[in-house]
Amino acid sequence: MREFSGVILRNATIYTPYSTVDKGCIAIENGYISRVGEGFCATDGMATIDLDGHVVGPGFIDTHVHGILGLDVMSAKPDSLLSISRVLPRYGVTSFIPTTVTAPHSAIIEICRAFTKAYSMWLPSTGARLLGLHLEGPYINSSRAGAQNKQFVRRPSMEEFSEYIDTCRGFIRQVTVAPEIEGAIEFIEALSTMGIFVQIGHTDATYREASRGILAGASKATHLYNGMRGIHHREPGASIALLSTPGVYLELIVDLIHVSKEMLKFTIDYAGVDRIVIVTDAISATGMPDGIYELGGLKIIVEGGVAKLVDGSTLAGSTLTMDRAFRNIVSLGYSMRDAFIMTAANPAKSIGAIEREKIGLIKPGYRADLVVLNKDLEVVATIIEGHAVFDKNSLF
């Protein structure tokens, strides 16, 4: 893998993603995009790489991932987090949010410590960017815990959460909350005031209860439909409150298992492409053989790539990767432009990373975080701040 202070990528089909440029060029200088245009760009002595026959888009951003290839966020080890970071670029991921599950207070404290250490050690030349932590629990409804350990579900506590804030040194980016549980509305208000993005999930909330959570500041759905009260014509539930509220981002797991093709198409068409955030919800079994694994202390079984609790009662995360999610979206009839919006731009927007980290777009002044796909939409290269972190065919 080579690293460049300045390089021109030319002759590619570029998705910014809001504009499409055929036979276009991207100039990268000192890790940032300096120019996007048609033709070849002025070289000014910079290295030039011909990407004829390839597609270039903003790198995928996975805002909900628990693990991959036997690596687990819950291990609370800096090396595990950095190993996840190193693995993800082969699937086109340039940034990600490690996600916890419901766990004892002490375990979450240890994860915070591991994250802060890993963050201090991360370099863009080594792997996908760590964007912060997502606490998917413990402040959820035990009746909708799914594959989370009900033993550790608890009511929101600002005293407890303040310890997480202090230990994580401000790196908590997202928190999933069930708005109907005691103290949840005040908790959502407090977190929103602090600039933490609150998601509604693992909830048995009614439509009105979910709507109150949205008014309190919740701005995103945790894997819409999954871990939520079912939809009924006399009580539409949290899913419909989230779906029908403009400005709320909607996570979807597009493995074609968690949500049917028909429901995926309905959701995207009804809510609009600009509100959909594609996530993997990937667990440590991702990329591994079928077998018995663990998620947050619970035993799960993976058969045919489908992860469930060993009793078969519920799905337990997924074995999806972002490149496969991208291809699945395209297979449903959506354009590559739309697919890049849902896998890069929207994830960045949903956590304020467009402005804060300058990622999610191919635009001058933004970080050179890019994914290069071949005609079969397979990842052949992943670039992070101008570093070719993954290069399958030695293009770089």
Protein backbone atom coordinates (compact mmCIF):
# COMPACT_ATOMS: atom_id res chain seq x y z
CA MET A 1 0.00 0.00 0.00
CA ARG A 2 1.35 3.42 -0.95
CA GLU A 3 0.63 6.70 0.77
CA PHE A 4 0.47 10.03 -1.03
CA SER A 5 0.65 13.65 0.04
CA GLY A 6 -0.88 14.46 -3.34
CA VAL A 7 -2.58 12.21 -5.90
CA ILE A 8 -5.07 12.49 -8.75
CA LEU A 9 -7.70 9.76 -9.16
CA ARG A 10 -8.97 9.99 -12.73
CA ASN A 11 -11.22 8.35 -15.26
CA ALA A 12 -13.66 7.03 -12.62
CA THR A 13 -17.41 7.27 -12.29
CA ILE A 14 -17.75 9.45 -9.20
CA TYR A 15 -20.75 9.71 -6.87
CA THR A 16 -20.35 12.68 -4.53
CA PRO A 17 -23.03 11.21 -3.83
CA TYR A 18 -25.49 13.95 -4.78
CA SER A 19 -23.87 14.51 -8.18
CA THR A 20 -22.53 11.94 -10.63
CA VAL A 21 -19.43 12.61 -12.72
CA ASP A 22 -18.53 10.24 -15.56
CA LYS A 23 -14.84 9.98 -16.40
CA GLY A 24 -14.21 12.31 -13.48
CA CYS A 25 -11.24 13.15 -11.30
CA ILE A 26 -10.55 13.69 -7.61
CA ALA A 27 -7.49 15.54 -6.38
CA ILE A 28 -6.25 14.57 -2.91
CA GLU A 29 -3.73 16.65 -1.00
CA ASN A 30 -2.55 16.05 2.56
CA GLY A 31 -5.45 13.73 3.31
CA TYR A 32 -8.19 16.07 2.05
CA ILE A 33 -10.05 16.43 -1.22
CA SER A 34 -8.90 19.56 -3.02
CA ARG A 35 -10.79 19.22 -6.28
CA VAL A 36 -13.58 17.20 -7.91
CA GLY A 37 -14.24 17.63 -11.60
CA GLU A 38 -14.61 16.31 -15.10
CA GLY A 39 -11.71 15.19 -17.20
CA PHE A 40 -8.24 14.72 -15.76
CA CYS A 41 -7.69 17.64 -13.31
CA ALA A 42 -4.45 19.58 -13.42
CA THR A 43 -1.73 17.27 -12.14
CA ASP A 44 0.87 19.81 -10.92
CA GLY A 45 3.35 16.98 -10.62
CA MET A 46 1.11 14.85 -8.40
CA ALA A 47 0.86 11.08 -8.83
CA THR A 48 -1.98 9.98 -11.13
CA ILE A 49 -3.99 6.79 -10.80
CA ASP A 50 -6.28 5.66 -13.63
CA LEU A 51 -9.50 4.12 -12.31
CA ASP A 52 -11.14 3.44 -15.64
CA GLY A 53 -14.04 1.02 -15.21
CA HIS A 54 -14.36 1.73 -11.49
CA VAL A 55 -16.85 3.58 -9.30
CA VAL A 56 -15.67 5.93 -6.55
CA GLY A 57 -17.96 7.06 -3.75
CA PRO A 58 -17.67 8.35 -0.20
CA GLY A 59 -16.48 5.60 2.15
CA PHE A 60 -19.17 3.66 3.95
CA ILE A 61 -19.93 4.78 7.51
CA ASP A 62 -21.33 2.11 9.84
CA THR A 63 -22.90 3.75 12.88
CA HIS A 64 -24.01 0.47 14.48
CA VAL A 65 -21.51 -2.39 14.69
CA HIS A 66 -20.84 -4.81 17.56
CA GLY A 67 -17.99 -6.82 16.09
CA ILE A 68 -16.60 -8.82 13.19
CA LEU A 69 -14.32 -11.81 12.50
CA GLY A 70 -14.39 -13.03 16.09
CA LEU A 71 -13.73 -9.53 17.48
CA ASP A 72 -16.24 -8.12 19.97
CA VAL A 73 -16.70 -4.56 21.24
CA MET A 74 -17.82 -6.03 24.56
CA SER A 75 -14.38 -7.55 25.16
CA ALA A 76 -13.41 -4.04 26.33
CA LYS A 77 -9.92 -4.33 24.86
CA PRO A 78 -8.25 -1.51 22.92
CA ASP A 79 -6.58 -4.09 20.66
CA SER A 80 -9.96 -5.55 19.72
CA LEU A 81 -11.33 -2.14 18.76
CA LEU A 82 -8.24 -1.39 16.70
CA SER A 83 -8.45 -4.82 15.07
CA ILE A 84 -12.07 -4.13 14.10
CA SER A 85 -10.84 -0.84 12.68
CA ARG A 86 -8.22 -2.66 10.59
CA VAL A 87 -10.70 -5.23 9.26
CA LEU A 88 -13.57 -2.94 8.24
CA PRO A 89 -11.84 -1.23 5.26
CA ARG A 90 -11.91 -4.50 3.31
CA TYR A 91 -15.70 -4.00 3.29
CA GLY A 92 -15.43 -0.36 2.23
CA VAL A 93 -15.93 1.12 5.71
CA THR A 94 -13.92 4.27 6.44
CA SER A 95 -15.56 5.26 9.77
CA PHE A 96 -17.60 3.39 12.36
CA ILE A 97 -19.21 3.58 15.78
CA PRO A 98 -18.46 0.62 18.07
CA THR A 99 -21.73 -0.35 19.71
CA THR A 100 -22.29 -1.92 23.11
CA VAL A 101 -25.15 -4.04 24.38
CA THR A 102 -26.86 -3.96 27.78
CA ALA A 103 -24.24 -4.77 30.42
CA PRO A 104 -23.33 -4.10 34.05
CA HIS A 105 -22.12 -0.63 34.95
CA SER A 106 -18.55 -1.83 35.47
CA ALA A 107 -18.44 -3.43 32.02
CA ILE A 108 -19.51 -0.22 30.28
CA ILE A 109 -16.88 1.71 32.25
CA GLU A 110 -14.22 -0.70 30.98
CA ILE A 111 -15.43 -0.29 27.39
CA CYS A 112 -15.15 3.48 27.80
CA ARG A 113 -11.56 3.08 28.98
CA ALA A 114 -10.75 0.77 26.10
CA PHE A 115 -12.25 3.15 23.58
CA THR A 116 -10.37 6.22 24.79
CA LYS A 117 -7.09 4.29 24.63
CA ALA A 118 -7.86 2.89 21.18
CA TYR A 119 -8.84 6.33 19.93
CA SER A 120 -5.51 7.77 21.09
CA MET A 121 -3.66 5.02 19.20
CA TRP A 122 -5.63 5.11 15.94
CA LEU A 123 -4.04 6.39 12.75
CA PRO A 124 -5.83 6.89 9.40
CA SER A 125 -3.18 4.77 7.69
CA THR A 126 -4.15 1.74 9.80
CA GLY A 127 -7.92 1.42 9.64
CA ALA A 128 -11.42 2.83 9.82
CA ARG A 129 -11.94 5.95 11.93
CA LEU A 130 -13.48 5.51 15.40
CA LEU A 131 -16.28 8.06 15.69
CA GLY A 132 -17.36 7.47 19.28
CA LEU A 133 -19.42 4.92 21.18
CA HIS A 134 -23.04 3.91 20.81
CA LEU A 135 -24.61 2.61 24.02
CA GLU A 136 -27.41 0.34 22.80
CA GLY A 137 -28.72 -0.12 26.30
CA PRO A 138 -28.95 -0.50 29.23
CA TYR A 139 -31.83 2.01 29.22
CA ILE A 140 -34.27 -0.10 27.23
CA ASN A 141 -37.51 -2.01 27.81
CA SER A 142 -36.84 -5.57 28.95
CA SER A 143 -39.96 -6.76 27.11
CA ARG A 144 -38.25 -5.75 23.84
CA ALA A 145 -34.70 -6.61 24.83
CA GLY A 146 -34.33 -9.10 22.00
CA ALA A 147 -30.80 -10.53 22.19
CA GLN A 148 -29.79 -8.26 25.08
CA ASN A 149 -29.36 -9.51 28.62
CA LYS A 150 -32.50 -8.53 30.56
CA GLN A 151 -30.63 -9.01 33.84
CA PHE A 152 -28.81 -5.73 33.31
CA VAL A 153 -31.63 -3.58 31.89
CA ARG A 154 -32.21 -0.56 34.11
CA ARG A 155 -33.83 2.86 34.34
CA PRO A 156 -31.94 5.90 33.10
CA SER A 157 -29.71 7.49 35.71
CA MET A 158 -27.87 10.75 35.09
CA GLU A 159 -25.61 9.94 38.03
CA GLU A 160 -24.54 6.70 36.38
CA PHE A 161 -24.37 8.24 32.91
CA SER A 162 -22.16 11.06 34.17
CA GLU A 163 -19.57 8.42 35.07
CA TYR A 164 -19.69 7.15 31.49
CA ILE A 165 -19.24 10.68 30.19
CA ASP A 166 -16.24 11.26 32.44
CA THR A 167 -14.60 7.91 31.68
CA CYS A 168 -15.31 8.08 27.94
CA ARG A 169 -13.97 11.65 27.85
CA GLY A 170 -16.89 12.85 25.75
CA PHE A 171 -16.71 10.04 23.21
CA ILE A 172 -20.28 8.79 23.71
CA ARG A 173 -21.91 9.67 20.39
CA GLN A 174 -25.23 7.81 20.48
CA VAL A 175 -27.47 6.25 23.12
CA THR A 176 -30.48 4.02 22.50
CA VAL A 177 -33.36 4.68 24.90
CA ALA A 178 -36.87 3.28 25.28
CA PRO A 179 -38.92 6.47 25.80
CA GLU A 180 -41.73 4.82 27.77
CA ILE A 181 -39.64 3.69 30.74
CA GLU A 182 -39.51 5.69 33.96
CA GLY A 183 -37.33 8.80 33.72
CA ALA A 184 -36.66 8.37 29.99
CA ILE A 185 -38.10 11.67 28.77
CA GLU A 186 -36.03 13.77 31.14
CA PHE A 187 -32.99 11.64 30.29
CA ILE A 188 -33.49 12.16 26.54
CA GLU A 189 -33.81 15.91 27.10
CA ALA A 190 -30.59 15.99 29.13
CA LEU A 191 -28.58 13.99 26.58
CA SER A 192 -29.91 16.03 23.68
CA THR A 193 -28.88 19.22 25.46
CA MET A 194 -25.39 17.76 25.81
CA GLY A 195 -25.16 17.13 22.07
CA ILE A 196 -25.46 13.34 22.33
CA PHE A 197 -27.63 11.75 19.66
CA VAL A 198 -30.51 9.77 21.17
CA GLN A 199 -32.06 6.87 19.33
CA ILE A 200 -35.37 5.18 20.09
CA GLY A 201 -35.09 1.42 20.18
CA HIS A 202 -35.70 -1.81 22.06
CA THR A 203 -38.99 -0.24 23.00
CA ASP A 204 -42.61 -1.18 23.61
CA ALA A 205 -43.65 2.46 23.29
CA THR A 206 -47.03 3.42 21.93
CA TYR A 207 -47.25 5.98 19.16
CA ARG A 208 -47.79 8.78 21.69
CA GLU A 209 -44.96 7.64 23.96
CA ALA A 210 -42.55 7.50 21.03
CA SER A 211 -43.74 10.91 19.86
CA ARG A 212 -42.95 12.34 23.30
CA GLY A 213 -39.46 10.89 23.01
CA ILE A 214 -39.01 12.59 19.65
CA LEU A 215 -40.21 15.91 21.08
CA ALA A 216 -37.70 15.47 23.92
CA GLY A 217 -34.87 15.27 21.38
CA ALA A 218 -34.58 11.72 20.03
CA SER A 219 -33.55 11.98 16.39
CA LYS A 220 -33.00 8.44 15.17
CA ALA A 221 -34.52 4.96 15.21
CA THR A 222 -32.43 2.01 16.29
CA HIS A 223 -32.92 -0.69 13.62
CA LEU A 224 -36.45 0.37 12.71
CA TYR A 225 -39.14 -2.31 13.28
CA ASN A 226 -36.74 -4.70 15.03
CA GLY A 227 -37.04 -4.65 18.83
CA MET A 228 -40.25 -2.60 18.66
CA ARG A 229 -43.96 -3.06 19.24
CA GLY A 230 -45.65 -4.36 16.11
CA ILE A 231 -47.75 -2.11 13.90
CA HIS A 232 -51.53 -2.26 14.45
CA HIS A 233 -54.20 -0.10 12.89
CA ARG A 234 -55.56 0.91 16.31
CA GLU A 235 -52.11 1.34 17.92
CA PRO A 236 -49.44 2.09 15.32
CA GLY A 237 -46.61 2.04 17.87
CA ALA A 238 -43.14 3.53 17.86
CA SER A 239 -42.29 2.42 14.33
CA ILE A 240 -44.98 4.59 12.76
CA ALA A 241 -44.20 7.55 15.03
CA LEU A 242 -40.57 7.39 13.90
CA LEU A 243 -41.41 6.73 10.27
CA SER A 244 -43.91 9.56 10.01
CA THR A 245 -41.81 12.27 11.69
CA PRO A 246 -39.73 14.31 9.23
CA GLY A 247 -36.18 14.86 10.44
CA VAL A 248 -35.91 11.55 12.27
CA TYR A 249 -33.27 9.26 10.77
CA LEU A 250 -34.16 5.60 10.39
CA GLU A 251 -31.65 2.79 10.81
CA LEU A 252 -32.34 -0.21 8.58
CA ILE A 253 -30.52 -3.54 8.60
CA VAL A 254 -30.55 -4.46 4.91
CA ASP A 255 -29.58 -8.12 5.16
CA LEU A 256 -33.01 -9.04 3.70
CA ILE A 257 -33.63 -11.04 6.90
CA HIS A 258 -34.36 -8.46 9.59
CA VAL A 259 -36.79 -6.58 7.33
CA SER A 260 -38.49 -8.00 4.24
CA LYS A 261 -37.79 -6.64 0.77
CA GLU A 262 -41.33 -5.31 0.57
CA MET A 263 -41.07 -3.47 3.89
CA LEU A 264 -37.65 -2.09 3.01
CA LYS A 265 -38.99 -0.64 -0.24
CA PHE A 266 -42.07 0.77 1.49
CA THR A 267 -39.94 2.42 4.18
CA ILE A 268 -37.44 3.97 1.79
CA ASP A 269 -40.13 5.15 -0.63
CA TYR A 270 -42.35 6.57 2.12
CA ALA A 271 -39.70 8.22 4.30
CA GLY A 272 -37.45 9.21 1.42
CA VAL A 273 -33.87 8.26 0.69
CA ASP A 274 -32.51 11.21 2.71
CA ARG A 275 -33.72 9.78 6.04
CA ILE A 276 -32.44 6.21 5.74
CA VAL A 277 -29.25 5.14 7.54
CA ILE A 278 -28.04 1.71 6.49
CA VAL A 279 -26.31 -0.17 9.33
CA THR A 280 -25.00 -3.70 9.74
CA ASP A 281 -25.65 -4.41 13.45
CA ALA A 282 -22.80 -6.86 12.80
CA ILE A 283 -21.65 -9.14 15.61
CA SER A 284 -18.41 -11.05 16.19
CA ALA A 285 -19.71 -13.96 14.07
CA THR A 286 -19.62 -11.80 10.93
CA GLY A 287 -17.23 -13.32 8.41
CA MET A 288 -16.94 -16.48 10.53
CA PRO A 289 -18.26 -20.03 10.00
CA ASP A 290 -21.64 -21.08 11.33
CA GLY A 291 -21.52 -22.09 14.97
CA ILE A 292 -22.04 -21.00 18.56
CA TYR A 293 -20.99 -17.47 19.55
CA GLU A 294 -21.67 -15.00 22.35
CA LEU A 295 -23.25 -11.55 22.45
CA GLY A 296 -23.26 -9.65 25.73
CA GLY A 297 -23.02 -12.85 27.74
CA LEU A 298 -25.82 -14.60 25.84
CA LYS A 299 -25.18 -17.67 23.70
CA ILE A 300 -26.19 -17.33 20.07
CA ILE A 301 -26.18 -19.71 17.16
CA VAL A 302 -25.37 -18.83 13.56
CA GLU A 303 -26.88 -21.05 10.87
CA GLY A 304 -26.69 -20.11 7.22
CA GLY A 305 -25.32 -16.73 8.25
CA VAL A 306 -28.41 -15.96 10.37
CA ALA A 307 -27.69 -15.22 14.04
CA LYS A 308 -30.27 -16.10 16.71
CA LEU A 309 -30.37 -16.80 20.42
CA VAL A 310 -29.70 -20.49 20.93
CA ASP A 311 -33.36 -21.08 21.77
CA GLY A 312 -34.31 -19.65 18.37
CA SER A 313 -36.59 -17.05 19.96
CA THR A 314 -35.12 -13.93 18.36
CA LEU A 315 -32.56 -12.63 15.91
CA ALA A 316 -29.27 -11.66 17.54
CA GLY A 317 -27.62 -8.95 15.50
CA SER A 318 -26.48 -9.80 11.99
CA THR A 319 -23.55 -11.06 9.94
CA LEU A 320 -24.04 -8.30 7.37
CA THR A 321 -21.21 -6.19 5.98
CA MET A 322 -21.62 -2.70 4.49
CA ASP A 323 -20.54 -3.71 0.99
CA ARG A 324 -23.18 -6.43 0.92
CA ALA A 325 -25.76 -3.99 2.27
CA PHE A 326 -24.84 -1.60 -0.56
CA ARG A 327 -25.34 -4.34 -3.16
CA ASN A 328 -28.61 -5.40 -1.54
CA ILE A 329 -29.97 -1.86 -1.81
CA VAL A 330 -29.03 -1.70 -5.49
CA SER A 331 -30.64 -5.14 -6.01
CA LEU A 332 -33.93 -3.67 -4.72
CA GLY A 333 -33.92 -1.23 -7.64
CA TYR A 334 -32.31 1.84 -6.05
CA SER A 335 -29.59 3.77 -7.85
CA MET A 336 -25.96 3.81 -6.78
CA ARG A 337 -26.45 7.49 -6.00
CA ASP A 338 -29.20 6.58 -3.53
CA ALA A 339 -27.16 3.69 -2.13
CA PHE A 340 -24.20 5.97 -1.38
CA ILE A 341 -26.52 8.52 0.25
CA MET A 342 -27.88 5.82 2.56
CA THR A 343 -24.50 4.23 3.38
CA ALA A 344 -22.31 7.34 3.66
CA ALA A 345 -23.94 10.78 3.57
CA ASN A 346 -26.93 9.99 5.81
CA PRO A 347 -24.93 8.09 8.46
CA ALA A 348 -22.62 11.11 8.67
CA LYS A 349 -25.51 13.57 8.84
CA SER A 350 -27.31 11.56 11.51
CA ILE A 351 -24.43 12.05 13.96
CA GLY A 352 -23.26 15.52 12.92
CA ALA A 353 -20.13 14.14 11.21
CA ILE A 354 -20.64 16.10 7.99
CA GLU A 355 -19.63 19.22 9.90
CA ARG A 356 -17.55 17.78 12.74
CA GLU A 357 -15.33 15.25 10.97
CA LYS A 358 -15.87 16.46 7.40
CA ILE A 359 -16.78 13.00 6.11
CA GLY A 360 -19.63 11.46 4.11
CA LEU A 361 -19.22 13.59 0.98
CA ILE A 362 -16.78 13.84 -1.92
CA LYS A 363 -16.27 17.57 -1.84
CA PRO A 364 -13.30 19.97 -1.63
CA GLY A 365 -12.36 20.53 2.00
CA TYR A 366 -13.62 17.12 3.11
CA ARG A 367 -11.45 14.21 4.21
CA ALA A 368 -10.36 11.90 1.40
CA ASP A 369 -12.34 8.92 2.72
CA LEU A 370 -13.29 6.95 -0.39
CA VAL A 371 -14.37 3.52 -1.52
CA VAL A 372 -13.51 2.15 -4.97
CA LEU A 373 -15.86 -0.46 -6.45
CA ASN A 374 -15.58 -2.61 -9.55
CA LYS A 375 -18.37 -3.24 -12.07
CA ASP A 376 -19.79 -5.95 -9.78
CA LEU A 377 -19.89 -3.43 -6.90
CA GLU A 378 -17.19 -5.29 -5.02
CA VAL A 379 -14.76 -3.29 -2.91
CA VAL A 380 -11.34 -3.14 -4.56
CA ALA A 381 -9.86 -0.27 -2.57
CA THR A 382 -10.61 1.82 0.52
CA ILE A 383 -8.91 5.16 1.09
CA ILE A 384 -8.85 6.90 4.47
CA GLU A 385 -7.49 10.45 4.55
CA GLY A 386 -5.56 9.71 1.38
CA HIS A 387 -4.11 6.41 2.64
CA ALA A 388 -4.85 3.27 0.62
CA VAL A 389 -5.70 1.19 3.68
CA PHE A 390 -7.17 -1.63 1.56
CA ASP A 391 -6.06 -2.29 -2.00
CA LYS A 392 -7.22 -5.65 -3.32
CA ASN A 393 -5.87 -5.33 -6.87
CA SER A 394 -2.80 -3.16 -6.24
CA LEU A 395 -4.41 -0.16 -7.93
CA PHE A 396 -2.46 2.14 -5.67
